[in-house]
Amino acid sequence: MNLLILDAGHAKNTAGKRNEKENFYEWQFNNDMQHKIKSRCEDHNIKVFLTNPNPATVSDIALGVRAKSANDYWIKNNKCKAMFISIHGNAFSNASTRGTETYHASNASTRSENFAKVLNNEIVKTMKELDTTSKDRGVKSENFTVIYKASMPSVLVEYGFYTNLDDLKILKNNRNELVEATVK
């Protein structure tokens, strides 16, 4: 069995995770992406587990709890071939900042590092097809709890900056293309 564990970054009530002026809420993006990715993976007989299945009705589930949930599910499924993706939109005070970046933890396996590179490349390729001025911010190492504590190969992807109007346009209007890049 192949397993993909998806983590929809934030919940509805997470402070600061929105661009109200542009009617963009990160939890909605993350949630929509996780369900679309889940559906496409299931089309390919990949089992999918969601660590944050309904972010509209809950406050943030602690990141350590999400990692534990992922690990417990993976162990329950005999440590099958698995990958973990935490889905996010990015934000920064400087509205000109834009681009895609993908993270692995400092304790990451070579598989996590390679997974981060492949995933980042596919998403950047799609972003550049949609807007040639899109930026590749690269693959980085950061000890975000949810990927640091996950036992299977794990990455956190920031698809683009919703505080940048060019990235925001893609995040709002091209989710299906981003899903296909992620699934590929």
Protein backbone atom coordinates (compact mmCIF):
# COMPACT_ATOMS: atom_id res chain seq x y z
CA MET A 1 0.00 0.00 0.00
CA ASN A 2 1.10 3.56 -0.75
CA LEU A 3 0.07 6.21 1.75
CA LEU A 4 0.01 9.99 1.55
CA ILE A 5 -0.53 11.88 4.78
CA LEU A 6 -1.79 15.43 4.26
CA ASP A 7 -1.76 18.21 6.80
CA ALA A 8 -3.91 21.26 6.03
CA GLY A 9 -1.74 23.91 7.66
CA HIS A 10 -4.03 26.04 9.79
CA ALA A 11 -7.55 26.22 11.16
CA LYS A 12 -10.19 28.86 10.53
CA ASN A 13 -9.48 30.77 13.73
CA THR A 14 -5.67 30.89 13.43
CA ALA A 15 -4.74 34.53 13.89
CA GLY A 16 -3.15 36.37 11.00
CA LYS A 17 -3.57 33.66 8.37
CA ARG A 18 -5.63 35.71 5.94
CA ASN A 19 -5.64 38.52 3.41
CA GLU A 20 -9.07 39.95 4.17
CA LYS A 21 -8.68 42.81 1.70
CA GLU A 22 -8.38 40.24 -1.09
CA ASN A 23 -10.89 37.78 0.46
CA PHE A 24 -8.29 35.04 0.94
CA TYR A 25 -8.18 32.80 4.00
CA GLU A 26 -5.28 30.38 4.23
CA TRP A 27 -7.32 27.67 5.96
CA GLN A 28 -9.71 27.60 2.99
CA PHE A 29 -6.83 27.25 0.52
CA ASN A 30 -5.15 24.53 2.60
CA ASN A 31 -8.40 22.64 3.09
CA ASP A 32 -9.44 22.86 -0.56
CA MET A 33 -6.00 21.68 -1.65
CA GLN A 34 -5.94 18.72 0.76
CA HIS A 35 -9.33 17.45 -0.43
CA LYS A 36 -8.47 17.90 -4.12
CA ILE A 37 -5.09 16.17 -3.66
CA LYS A 38 -6.81 13.38 -1.70
CA SER A 39 -9.30 12.82 -4.50
CA ARG A 40 -6.60 12.72 -7.20
CA CYS A 41 -4.42 10.35 -5.17
CA GLU A 42 -7.33 8.02 -4.57
CA ASP A 43 -7.81 7.96 -8.37
CA HIS A 44 -4.32 6.39 -8.41
CA ASN A 45 -5.05 3.92 -5.59
CA ILE A 46 -3.00 5.87 -3.07
CA LYS A 47 -4.48 5.80 0.40
CA VAL A 48 -4.74 9.24 2.01
CA PHE A 49 -4.92 10.21 5.68
CA LEU A 50 -5.74 13.75 6.80
CA THR A 51 -4.25 15.08 10.06
CA ASN A 52 -6.54 18.14 10.02
CA PRO A 53 -9.64 16.93 8.19
CA ASN A 54 -11.98 19.82 8.98
CA PRO A 55 -10.13 23.07 9.76
CA ALA A 56 -13.34 25.09 9.41
CA THR A 57 -14.73 23.87 12.71
CA VAL A 58 -11.72 23.57 14.98
CA SER A 59 -9.05 25.72 16.45
CA ASP A 60 -5.56 24.72 15.45
CA ILE A 61 -4.70 21.16 16.34
CA ALA A 62 -1.28 21.29 17.98
CA LEU A 63 1.51 20.49 15.52
CA GLY A 64 2.94 17.77 17.76
CA VAL A 65 -0.51 16.17 17.91
CA ARG A 66 -0.72 16.20 14.11
CA ALA A 67 2.71 14.57 13.79
CA LYS A 68 1.74 11.94 16.39
CA SER A 69 -1.52 11.29 14.55
CA ALA A 70 0.41 10.79 11.30
CA ASN A 71 2.95 8.50 12.99
CA ASP A 72 0.25 6.45 14.73
CA TYR A 73 -1.68 5.99 11.48
CA TRP A 74 1.50 5.01 9.64
CA ILE A 75 2.45 2.48 12.34
CA LYS A 76 -1.11 1.09 12.32
CA ASN A 77 -0.61 0.50 8.59
CA ASN A 78 2.62 -1.45 9.12
CA LYS A 79 4.92 1.44 8.23
CA CYS A 80 3.92 1.14 4.60
CA LYS A 81 5.51 3.26 1.88
CA ALA A 82 4.41 6.76 2.90
CA MET A 83 4.96 10.49 2.40
CA PHE A 84 3.75 13.46 4.46
CA ILE A 85 2.94 16.93 3.07
CA SER A 86 1.96 19.93 5.17
CA ILE A 87 0.10 22.36 2.87
CA HIS A 88 0.42 26.14 3.25
CA GLY A 89 0.11 29.54 1.64
CA ASN A 90 2.75 32.03 2.70
CA ALA A 91 2.62 35.63 3.94
CA PHE A 92 5.09 38.45 4.46
CA SER A 93 4.87 42.12 5.35
CA ASN A 94 6.58 43.13 2.09
CA ALA A 95 3.95 42.65 -0.63
CA SER A 96 6.61 42.26 -3.34
CA THR A 97 7.88 39.02 -1.75
CA ARG A 98 6.71 36.02 -3.72
CA GLY A 99 7.55 32.48 -4.67
CA THR A 100 7.33 28.81 -3.81
CA GLU A 101 9.46 27.20 -1.13
CA THR A 102 9.52 23.70 0.27
CA TYR A 103 10.96 22.62 3.60
CA HIS A 104 12.35 19.46 5.11
CA ALA A 105 13.52 19.16 8.72
CA SER A 106 17.18 19.10 9.79
CA ASN A 107 16.69 15.48 10.86
CA ALA A 108 15.29 14.59 7.44
CA SER A 109 16.19 11.44 5.62
CA THR A 110 17.64 11.57 2.12
CA ARG A 111 14.17 10.54 0.93
CA SER A 112 12.65 13.65 2.56
CA GLU A 113 15.30 15.89 1.01
CA ASN A 114 14.78 14.35 -2.43
CA PHE A 115 11.00 14.51 -2.03
CA ALA A 116 11.26 18.22 -1.18
CA LYS A 117 13.35 18.87 -4.31
CA VAL A 118 11.02 16.97 -6.65
CA LEU A 119 7.88 18.51 -5.17
CA ASN A 120 9.31 22.03 -5.21
CA ASN A 121 10.46 21.63 -8.83
CA GLU A 122 7.04 20.44 -10.00
CA ILE A 123 5.16 23.22 -8.23
CA VAL A 124 7.61 25.90 -9.45
CA LYS A 125 7.34 24.55 -13.00
CA THR A 126 3.55 24.91 -12.84
CA MET A 127 3.73 28.34 -11.21
CA LYS A 128 6.08 29.54 -13.99
CA GLU A 129 3.73 28.13 -16.65
CA LEU A 130 0.95 30.21 -15.09
CA ASP A 131 3.12 33.32 -14.57
CA THR A 132 6.64 33.48 -15.99
CA THR A 133 7.68 35.96 -13.27
CA SER A 134 6.99 33.44 -10.48
CA LYS A 135 9.90 32.83 -8.15
CA ASP A 136 11.59 29.67 -6.96
CA ARG A 137 12.61 30.29 -3.35
CA GLY A 138 14.08 26.80 -3.20
CA VAL A 139 14.26 23.90 -0.80
CA LYS A 140 15.15 24.78 2.76
CA SER A 141 15.72 23.08 6.07
CA GLU A 142 13.65 24.24 9.03
CA ASN A 143 12.53 22.36 12.12
CA PHE A 144 8.82 22.97 11.84
CA THR A 145 7.35 20.68 14.50
CA VAL A 146 4.92 18.91 12.19
CA ILE A 147 7.68 17.70 9.83
CA TYR A 148 10.44 17.42 12.43
CA LYS A 149 8.39 14.98 14.51
CA ALA A 150 6.89 13.00 11.62
CA SER A 151 8.57 9.61 11.21
CA MET A 152 7.97 9.13 7.49
CA PRO A 153 9.52 11.28 4.71
CA SER A 154 7.98 14.70 5.32
CA VAL A 155 7.87 18.15 3.76
CA LEU A 156 6.09 21.43 4.26
CA VAL A 157 5.23 23.33 1.08
CA GLU A 158 4.48 27.05 0.81
CA TYR A 159 2.83 27.26 -2.60
CA GLY A 160 3.04 31.04 -2.85
CA PHE A 161 2.53 34.29 -0.94
CA TYR A 162 -1.06 35.37 -0.53
CA THR A 163 0.27 38.79 0.46
CA ASN A 164 1.63 39.16 -3.11
CA LEU A 165 -1.07 39.94 -5.69
CA ASP A 166 0.57 37.89 -8.47
CA ASP A 167 0.97 34.77 -6.32
CA LEU A 168 -2.46 35.35 -4.81
CA LYS A 169 -4.07 35.27 -8.24
CA ILE A 170 -2.61 31.79 -8.82
CA LEU A 171 -3.55 30.56 -5.33
CA LYS A 172 -7.13 31.68 -5.88
CA ASN A 173 -7.63 30.67 -9.52
CA ASN A 174 -5.31 27.78 -10.32
CA ARG A 175 -5.71 25.24 -7.56
CA ASN A 176 -6.38 22.37 -9.94
CA GLU A 177 -3.06 23.00 -11.67
CA LEU A 178 -1.27 23.13 -8.29
CA VAL A 179 -2.96 19.89 -7.28
CA GLU A 180 -1.78 18.17 -10.46
CA ALA A 181 1.78 19.39 -9.86
CA THR A 182 1.65 18.05 -6.30
CA VAL A 183 0.25 14.68 -7.31
CA LYS A 184 2.75 14.29 -10.16
